[in-house]
Amino acid sequence: GLVLNMKSFLLTGLNNLINFAKKIFLEKTLLNLKKEIITRWFENSLALETEIPSLTQDFTFLISQFLKSYAYCVNKSIDHKNEKCHLELIKYCENVISYFKRRIEGNELQIIHKKSKLTVKLYKEKKNHYYPEIISIDVNNLKKNKIISMNFVPYIIYEDIIDVFSYNKKLFNENSQNTIDLKIWNDNRIINKRSDINNFKIGKVVKNFKLKSIDLDFIL
């Protein structure tokens, strides 16, 4: 079985996100994104905590599907440039795209609002056009020690995921050399051989993990 090293996983994700933000900021402003701005964003994020049941379920699916594809290639000792591994990564993209398209088509999202679990709509549909809903959720402000309401647009999250995986699939299909070296995940100790992948739950992974343990200076 396989399990995520959450700290290494988040460090990799944060590093990619920050590098992407720096790139976009430079393109739009011709200026470098200052370390102080990134640090302030990260520290403010640490003060906010929320629970969105549907997103927890969705990201559990996304990660578990990757672990299954990883396991298929690594456990069978298939090189990442091998056709079977290449096809497995295309299948991973297709599974994710199909899942999130079904989520959008279902037009339902479970949230926590005023301490109650509610099912809300992702969008309104009118004349074959989607109009994303702005959803209000409970957020625990740890600095102020109180629950506040904040808004977000989940439809955009799902749409972005579909766009990203559609683009990845396109790259894989265009050239068999466009692939991912899965060995990096093991070498950097992001994925360890330990737990049962079929019973993967994101809650188990994050239960004893604290985001405050991330050293942002390690990335910056």
C-alpha atoms as a PDB file:
ATOM      1  CA  GLY A   1       0.000   0.000   0.000  1.00  0.00           C
ATOM      2  CA  LEU A   2       0.914   3.674  -0.269  1.00  0.00           C
ATOM      3  CA  VAL A   3       0.524   6.710   1.953  1.00  0.00           C
ATOM      4  CA  LEU A   4       1.213  10.410   1.525  1.00  0.00           C
ATOM      5  CA  ASN A   5       3.806  12.227   3.551  1.00  0.00           C
ATOM      6  CA  MET A   6       1.563  15.264   4.062  1.00  0.00           C
ATOM      7  CA  LYS A   7       4.382  17.662   4.925  1.00  0.00           C
ATOM      8  CA  SER A   8       6.395  16.804   1.794  1.00  0.00           C
ATOM      9  CA  PHE A   9       3.205  16.812  -0.261  1.00  0.00           C
ATOM     10  CA  LEU A  10       2.198  20.307   0.874  1.00  0.00           C
ATOM     11  CA  LEU A  11       5.739  21.664   0.592  1.00  0.00           C
ATOM     12  CA  THR A  12       5.807  20.546  -3.038  1.00  0.00           C
ATOM     13  CA  GLY A  13       2.362  22.035  -3.683  1.00  0.00           C
ATOM     14  CA  LEU A  14       3.212  25.328  -1.989  1.00  0.00           C
ATOM     15  CA  ASN A  15       6.472  25.561  -3.882  1.00  0.00           C
ATOM     16  CA  ASN A  16       4.639  25.055  -7.200  1.00  0.00           C
ATOM     17  CA  LEU A  17       1.904  27.540  -6.230  1.00  0.00           C
ATOM     18  CA  ILE A  18       4.365  30.229  -5.147  1.00  0.00           C
ATOM     19  CA  ASN A  19       6.510  29.808  -8.272  1.00  0.00           C
ATOM     20  CA  PHE A  20       3.361  30.068 -10.404  1.00  0.00           C
ATOM     21  CA  ALA A  21       2.241  33.204  -8.508  1.00  0.00           C
ATOM     22  CA  LYS A  22       5.675  34.775  -8.984  1.00  0.00           C
ATOM     23  CA  LYS A  23       5.557  34.047 -12.699  1.00  0.00           C
ATOM     24  CA  ILE A  24       2.055  35.515 -13.174  1.00  0.00           C
ATOM     25  CA  PHE A  25       2.833  38.532 -10.977  1.00  0.00           C
ATOM     26  CA  LEU A  26       5.955  39.296 -13.002  1.00  0.00           C
ATOM     27  CA  GLU A  27       4.062  38.952 -16.298  1.00  0.00           C
ATOM     28  CA  LYS A  28       1.281  41.292 -15.180  1.00  0.00           C
ATOM     29  CA  THR A  29       3.267  43.906 -13.246  1.00  0.00           C
ATOM     30  CA  LEU A  30       6.880  43.516 -14.460  1.00  0.00           C
ATOM     31  CA  LEU A  31       7.759  43.386 -10.761  1.00  0.00           C
ATOM     32  CA  ASN A  32       8.975  40.596  -8.499  1.00  0.00           C
ATOM     33  CA  LEU A  33       6.523  39.273  -5.930  1.00  0.00           C
ATOM     34  CA  LYS A  34       7.990  40.257  -2.569  1.00  0.00           C
ATOM     35  CA  LYS A  35       8.737  37.685   0.091  1.00  0.00           C
ATOM     36  CA  GLU A  36       6.863  39.806   2.663  1.00  0.00           C
ATOM     37  CA  ILE A  37       3.607  39.585   0.658  1.00  0.00           C
ATOM     38  CA  ILE A  38       3.880  35.795   0.347  1.00  0.00           C
ATOM     39  CA  THR A  39       4.647  35.426   4.053  1.00  0.00           C
ATOM     40  CA  ARG A  40       1.699  37.640   5.036  1.00  0.00           C
ATOM     41  CA  TRP A  41      -0.660  35.598   2.796  1.00  0.00           C
ATOM     42  CA  PHE A  42       0.575  32.344   4.342  1.00  0.00           C
ATOM     43  CA  GLU A  43       0.276  33.586   7.928  1.00  0.00           C
ATOM     44  CA  ASN A  44      -3.235  34.929   7.300  1.00  0.00           C
ATOM     45  CA  SER A  45      -4.203  31.580   5.788  1.00  0.00           C
ATOM     46  CA  LEU A  46      -3.021  29.766   8.923  1.00  0.00           C
ATOM     47  CA  ALA A  47      -5.582  31.733  10.940  1.00  0.00           C
ATOM     48  CA  LEU A  48      -8.538  30.405   8.930  1.00  0.00           C
ATOM     49  CA  GLU A  49     -10.058  26.958   9.228  1.00  0.00           C
ATOM     50  CA  THR A  50     -13.160  25.517   7.582  1.00  0.00           C
ATOM     51  CA  GLU A  51     -14.875  22.276   6.646  1.00  0.00           C
ATOM     52  CA  ILE A  52     -16.492  21.635   3.264  1.00  0.00           C
ATOM     53  CA  PRO A  53     -17.602  17.963   3.151  1.00  0.00           C
ATOM     54  CA  SER A  54     -17.959  17.763  -0.632  1.00  0.00           C
ATOM     55  CA  LEU A  55     -14.500  19.216  -1.284  1.00  0.00           C
ATOM     56  CA  THR A  56     -12.985  16.796   1.246  1.00  0.00           C
ATOM     57  CA  GLN A  57     -14.596  13.931  -0.672  1.00  0.00           C
ATOM     58  CA  ASP A  58     -13.500  15.365  -4.025  1.00  0.00           C
ATOM     59  CA  PHE A  59      -9.848  15.863  -3.125  1.00  0.00           C
ATOM     60  CA  THR A  60      -9.751  12.428  -1.482  1.00  0.00           C
ATOM     61  CA  PHE A  61     -10.830  11.006  -4.841  1.00  0.00           C
ATOM     62  CA  LEU A  62      -8.287  13.089  -6.771  1.00  0.00           C
ATOM     63  CA  ILE A  63      -5.357  12.021  -4.559  1.00  0.00           C
ATOM     64  CA  SER A  64      -6.403   8.366  -4.245  1.00  0.00           C
ATOM     65  CA  GLN A  65      -6.712   8.070  -8.034  1.00  0.00           C
ATOM     66  CA  PHE A  66      -3.178   9.391  -8.435  1.00  0.00           C
ATOM     67  CA  LEU A  67      -1.902   6.942  -5.814  1.00  0.00           C
ATOM     68  CA  LYS A  68      -3.553   4.078  -7.700  1.00  0.00           C
ATOM     69  CA  SER A  69      -1.892   5.133 -10.965  1.00  0.00           C
ATOM     70  CA  TYR A  70       1.410   5.590  -9.144  1.00  0.00           C
ATOM     71  CA  ALA A  71       1.080   2.140  -7.578  1.00  0.00           C
ATOM     72  CA  TYR A  72       0.296   0.555 -10.944  1.00  0.00           C
ATOM     73  CA  CYS A  73       3.485   1.937 -12.514  1.00  0.00           C
ATOM     74  CA  VAL A  74       5.839   1.628  -9.540  1.00  0.00           C
ATOM     75  CA  ASN A  75       4.733  -1.752  -8.192  1.00  0.00           C
ATOM     76  CA  LYS A  76       5.030  -3.270 -11.650  1.00  0.00           C
ATOM     77  CA  SER A  77       8.450  -1.611 -12.044  1.00  0.00           C
ATOM     78  CA  ILE A  78       7.281   0.142 -15.205  1.00  0.00           C
ATOM     79  CA  ASP A  79       9.487   3.039 -16.285  1.00  0.00           C
ATOM     80  CA  HIS A  80       7.617   6.357 -16.534  1.00  0.00           C
ATOM     81  CA  LYS A  81       8.490   6.475 -20.252  1.00  0.00           C
ATOM     82  CA  ASN A  82       6.929   3.064 -20.844  1.00  0.00           C
ATOM     83  CA  GLU A  83       3.736   3.060 -22.932  1.00  0.00           C
ATOM     84  CA  LYS A  84       1.741   1.256 -20.206  1.00  0.00           C
ATOM     85  CA  CYS A  85       2.614   3.927 -17.652  1.00  0.00           C
ATOM     86  CA  HIS A  86       1.884   6.646 -20.183  1.00  0.00           C
ATOM     87  CA  LEU A  87      -1.570   5.168 -20.839  1.00  0.00           C
ATOM     88  CA  GLU A  88      -2.172   4.843 -17.090  1.00  0.00           C
ATOM     89  CA  LEU A  89      -1.538   8.577 -16.636  1.00  0.00           C
ATOM     90  CA  ILE A  90      -3.968   9.351 -19.470  1.00  0.00           C
ATOM     91  CA  LYS A  91      -6.519   7.118 -17.736  1.00  0.00           C
ATOM     92  CA  TYR A  92      -5.924   9.034 -14.485  1.00  0.00           C
ATOM     93  CA  CYS A  93      -6.691  12.318 -16.259  1.00  0.00           C
ATOM     94  CA  GLU A  94      -9.828  10.834 -17.821  1.00  0.00           C
ATOM     95  CA  ASN A  95     -11.071   9.523 -14.464  1.00  0.00           C
ATOM     96  CA  VAL A  96     -10.598  12.918 -12.812  1.00  0.00           C
ATOM     97  CA  ILE A  97     -12.263  14.783 -15.704  1.00  0.00           C
ATOM     98  CA  SER A  98     -15.259  12.408 -15.655  1.00  0.00           C
ATOM     99  CA  TYR A  99     -15.622  12.661 -11.873  1.00  0.00           C
ATOM    100  CA  PHE A 100     -15.657  16.449 -11.777  1.00  0.00           C
ATOM    101  CA  LYS A 101     -17.932  16.722 -14.796  1.00  0.00           C
ATOM    102  CA  ARG A 102     -20.406  14.510 -12.909  1.00  0.00           C
ATOM    103  CA  ARG A 103     -20.019  16.777  -9.888  1.00  0.00           C
ATOM    104  CA  ILE A 104     -20.925  19.821 -11.985  1.00  0.00           C
ATOM    105  CA  GLU A 105     -23.788  18.018 -13.709  1.00  0.00           C
ATOM    106  CA  GLY A 106     -25.167  16.952 -10.319  1.00  0.00           C
ATOM    107  CA  ASN A 107     -25.177  20.625  -9.281  1.00  0.00           C
ATOM    108  CA  GLU A 108     -24.956  19.913  -5.551  1.00  0.00           C
ATOM    109  CA  LEU A 109     -22.412  20.753  -2.860  1.00  0.00           C
ATOM    110  CA  GLN A 110     -22.434  19.914   0.831  1.00  0.00           C
ATOM    111  CA  ILE A 111     -21.221  22.698   3.104  1.00  0.00           C
ATOM    112  CA  ILE A 112     -21.278  23.642   6.787  1.00  0.00           C
ATOM    113  CA  HIS A 113     -23.180  26.855   7.449  1.00  0.00           C
ATOM    114  CA  LYS A 114     -24.260  28.081  10.880  1.00  0.00           C
ATOM    115  CA  LYS A 115     -23.040  24.748  12.279  1.00  0.00           C
ATOM    116  CA  SER A 116     -25.456  22.762  10.095  1.00  0.00           C
ATOM    117  CA  LYS A 117     -24.706  20.620   7.040  1.00  0.00           C
ATOM    118  CA  LEU A 118     -26.503  22.007   4.005  1.00  0.00           C
ATOM    119  CA  THR A 119     -26.777  20.982   0.356  1.00  0.00           C
ATOM    120  CA  VAL A 120     -26.508  23.954  -1.987  1.00  0.00           C
ATOM    121  CA  LYS A 121     -26.436  24.475  -5.739  1.00  0.00           C
ATOM    122  CA  LEU A 122     -23.201  25.122  -7.645  1.00  0.00           C
ATOM    123  CA  TYR A 123     -24.911  27.272 -10.248  1.00  0.00           C
ATOM    124  CA  LYS A 124     -28.130  28.498 -11.783  1.00  0.00           C
ATOM    125  CA  GLU A 125     -28.843  27.426 -15.340  1.00  0.00           C
ATOM    126  CA  LYS A 126     -30.621  29.739 -17.761  1.00  0.00           C
ATOM    127  CA  LYS A 127     -30.844  29.395 -21.545  1.00  0.00           C
ATOM    128  CA  ASN A 128     -28.031  26.800 -21.598  1.00  0.00           C
ATOM    129  CA  HIS A 129     -25.709  29.094 -19.624  1.00  0.00           C
ATOM    130  CA  TYR A 130     -24.303  28.403 -16.154  1.00  0.00           C
ATOM    131  CA  TYR A 131     -24.260  31.204 -13.593  1.00  0.00           C
ATOM    132  CA  PRO A 132     -22.020  30.163 -10.665  1.00  0.00           C
ATOM    133  CA  GLU A 133     -23.434  30.641  -7.183  1.00  0.00           C
ATOM    134  CA  ILE A 134     -21.527  32.540  -4.509  1.00  0.00           C
ATOM    135  CA  ILE A 135     -21.636  30.268  -1.461  1.00  0.00           C
ATOM    136  CA  SER A 136     -21.400  31.429   2.158  1.00  0.00           C
ATOM    137  CA  ILE A 137     -19.589  29.041   4.532  1.00  0.00           C
ATOM    138  CA  ASP A 138     -18.558  28.968   8.194  1.00  0.00           C
ATOM    139  CA  VAL A 139     -14.898  29.790   8.760  1.00  0.00           C
ATOM    140  CA  ASN A 140     -13.178  29.543  12.113  1.00  0.00           C
ATOM    141  CA  ASN A 141     -10.965  32.598  12.618  1.00  0.00           C
ATOM    142  CA  LEU A 142      -8.368  31.195  15.004  1.00  0.00           C
ATOM    143  CA  LYS A 143      -6.857  34.598  15.784  1.00  0.00           C
ATOM    144  CA  LYS A 144     -10.188  36.075  16.865  1.00  0.00           C
ATOM    145  CA  ASN A 145     -11.474  32.760  18.216  1.00  0.00           C
ATOM    146  CA  LYS A 146     -14.848  33.079  16.515  1.00  0.00           C
ATOM    147  CA  ILE A 147     -16.830  31.727  13.594  1.00  0.00           C
ATOM    148  CA  ILE A 148     -17.259  34.091  10.659  1.00  0.00           C
ATOM    149  CA  SER A 149     -18.997  33.769   7.287  1.00  0.00           C
ATOM    150  CA  MET A 150     -16.943  33.949   4.100  1.00  0.00           C
ATOM    151  CA  ASN A 151     -17.918  33.551   0.465  1.00  0.00           C
ATOM    152  CA  PHE A 152     -16.404  31.384  -2.251  1.00  0.00           C
ATOM    153  CA  VAL A 153     -17.349  30.110  -5.718  1.00  0.00           C
ATOM    154  CA  PRO A 154     -16.922  26.294  -5.816  1.00  0.00           C
ATOM    155  CA  TYR A 155     -17.979  26.033  -9.463  1.00  0.00           C
ATOM    156  CA  ILE A 156     -14.753  27.805 -10.477  1.00  0.00           C
ATOM    157  CA  ILE A 157     -12.693  25.276  -8.494  1.00  0.00           C
ATOM    158  CA  TYR A 158     -14.301  22.371 -10.372  1.00  0.00           C
ATOM    159  CA  GLU A 159     -14.011  24.107 -13.720  1.00  0.00           C
ATOM    160  CA  ASP A 160     -10.308  24.830 -13.134  1.00  0.00           C
ATOM    161  CA  ILE A 161      -9.618  21.199 -12.199  1.00  0.00           C
ATOM    162  CA  ILE A 162     -11.307  19.989 -15.384  1.00  0.00           C
ATOM    163  CA  ASP A 163      -9.327  22.519 -17.469  1.00  0.00           C
ATOM    164  CA  VAL A 164      -6.008  21.480 -15.896  1.00  0.00           C
ATOM    165  CA  PHE A 165      -6.554  17.753 -16.385  1.00  0.00           C
ATOM    166  CA  SER A 166      -7.911  18.253 -19.900  1.00  0.00           C
ATOM    167  CA  TYR A 167      -4.732  20.160 -20.741  1.00  0.00           C
ATOM    168  CA  ASN A 168      -2.565  17.441 -19.164  1.00  0.00           C
ATOM    169  CA  LYS A 169      -4.420  14.768 -21.135  1.00  0.00           C
ATOM    170  CA  LYS A 170      -3.902  16.760 -24.327  1.00  0.00           C
ATOM    171  CA  LEU A 171      -0.147  16.931 -23.664  1.00  0.00           C
ATOM    172  CA  PHE A 172       0.031  13.198 -22.963  1.00  0.00           C
ATOM    173  CA  ASN A 173      -1.894  12.368 -26.137  1.00  0.00           C
ATOM    174  CA  GLU A 174       0.176  14.677 -28.321  1.00  0.00           C
ATOM    175  CA  ASN A 175       3.533  13.192 -27.403  1.00  0.00           C
ATOM    176  CA  SER A 176       4.453  10.007 -25.557  1.00  0.00           C
ATOM    177  CA  GLN A 177       7.523  11.835 -24.228  1.00  0.00           C
ATOM    178  CA  ASN A 178       5.257  14.196 -22.300  1.00  0.00           C
ATOM    179  CA  THR A 179       5.075  12.263 -19.061  1.00  0.00           C
ATOM    180  CA  ILE A 180       5.774  12.444 -15.321  1.00  0.00           C
ATOM    181  CA  ASP A 181       8.773  10.875 -13.635  1.00  0.00           C
ATOM    182  CA  LEU A 182       6.882   9.164 -10.802  1.00  0.00           C
ATOM    183  CA  LYS A 183      10.144   8.082  -9.170  1.00  0.00           C
ATOM    184  CA  ILE A 184      10.576  11.673  -7.922  1.00  0.00           C
ATOM    185  CA  TRP A 185       7.598  11.211  -5.571  1.00  0.00           C
ATOM    186  CA  ASN A 186       9.355   8.300  -3.880  1.00  0.00           C
ATOM    187  CA  ASP A 187      12.843   9.821  -3.922  1.00  0.00           C
ATOM    188  CA  ASN A 188      11.540  12.982  -2.220  1.00  0.00           C
ATOM    189  CA  ARG A 189       9.613  10.849   0.295  1.00  0.00           C
ATOM    190  CA  ILE A 190       6.275  12.347  -0.727  1.00  0.00           C
ATOM    191  CA  ILE A 191       4.778   8.871  -1.142  1.00  0.00           C
ATOM    192  CA  ASN A 192       5.764   6.060   1.204  1.00  0.00           C
ATOM    193  CA  LYS A 193       4.881   2.375   0.983  1.00  0.00           C
ATOM    194  CA  ARG A 194       2.812   1.810   4.091  1.00  0.00           C
ATOM    195  CA  SER A 195      -0.968   2.059   4.145  1.00  0.00           C
ATOM    196  CA  ASP A 196      -3.831   0.428   2.245  1.00  0.00           C
ATOM    197  CA  ILE A 197      -4.576   2.570  -0.822  1.00  0.00           C
ATOM    198  CA  ASN A 198      -8.101   1.190  -1.174  1.00  0.00           C
ATOM    199  CA  ASN A 199      -9.020   2.644   2.215  1.00  0.00           C
ATOM    200  CA  PHE A 200      -7.312   6.001   1.639  1.00  0.00           C
ATOM    201  CA  LYS A 201      -9.064   8.831   3.457  1.00  0.00           C
ATOM    202  CA  ILE A 202      -7.757  12.390   3.501  1.00  0.00           C
ATOM    203  CA  GLY A 203      -8.939  12.762   7.097  1.00  0.00           C
ATOM    204  CA  LYS A 204      -6.551  10.052   8.246  1.00  0.00           C
ATOM    205  CA  VAL A 205      -3.678  11.739   6.439  1.00  0.00           C
ATOM    206  CA  VAL A 206      -4.235  15.188   7.955  1.00  0.00           C
ATOM    207  CA  LYS A 207      -5.437  14.113  11.409  1.00  0.00           C
ATOM    208  CA  ASN A 208      -2.111  14.611  13.162  1.00  0.00           C
ATOM    209  CA  PHE A 209      -0.689  17.156  10.729  1.00  0.00           C
ATOM    210  CA  LYS A 210      -0.472  20.842  11.554  1.00  0.00           C
ATOM    211  CA  LEU A 211       0.001  23.363   8.751  1.00  0.00           C
ATOM    212  CA  LYS A 212       2.041  25.494  11.172  1.00  0.00           C
ATOM    213  CA  SER A 213       4.781  22.867  10.937  1.00  0.00           C
ATOM    214  CA  ILE A 214       5.491  24.047   7.385  1.00  0.00           C
ATOM    215  CA  ASP A 215       8.626  26.203   7.239  1.00  0.00           C
ATOM    216  CA  LEU A 216       7.870  28.729   4.504  1.00  0.00           C
ATOM    217  CA  ASP A 217      11.466  29.983   4.540  1.00  0.00           C
ATOM    218  CA  PHE A 218      12.476  26.537   3.282  1.00  0.00           C
ATOM    219  CA  ILE A 219      10.600  27.358   0.059  1.00  0.00           C
ATOM    220  CA  LEU A 220      11.344  31.076  -0.196  1.00  0.00           C
END
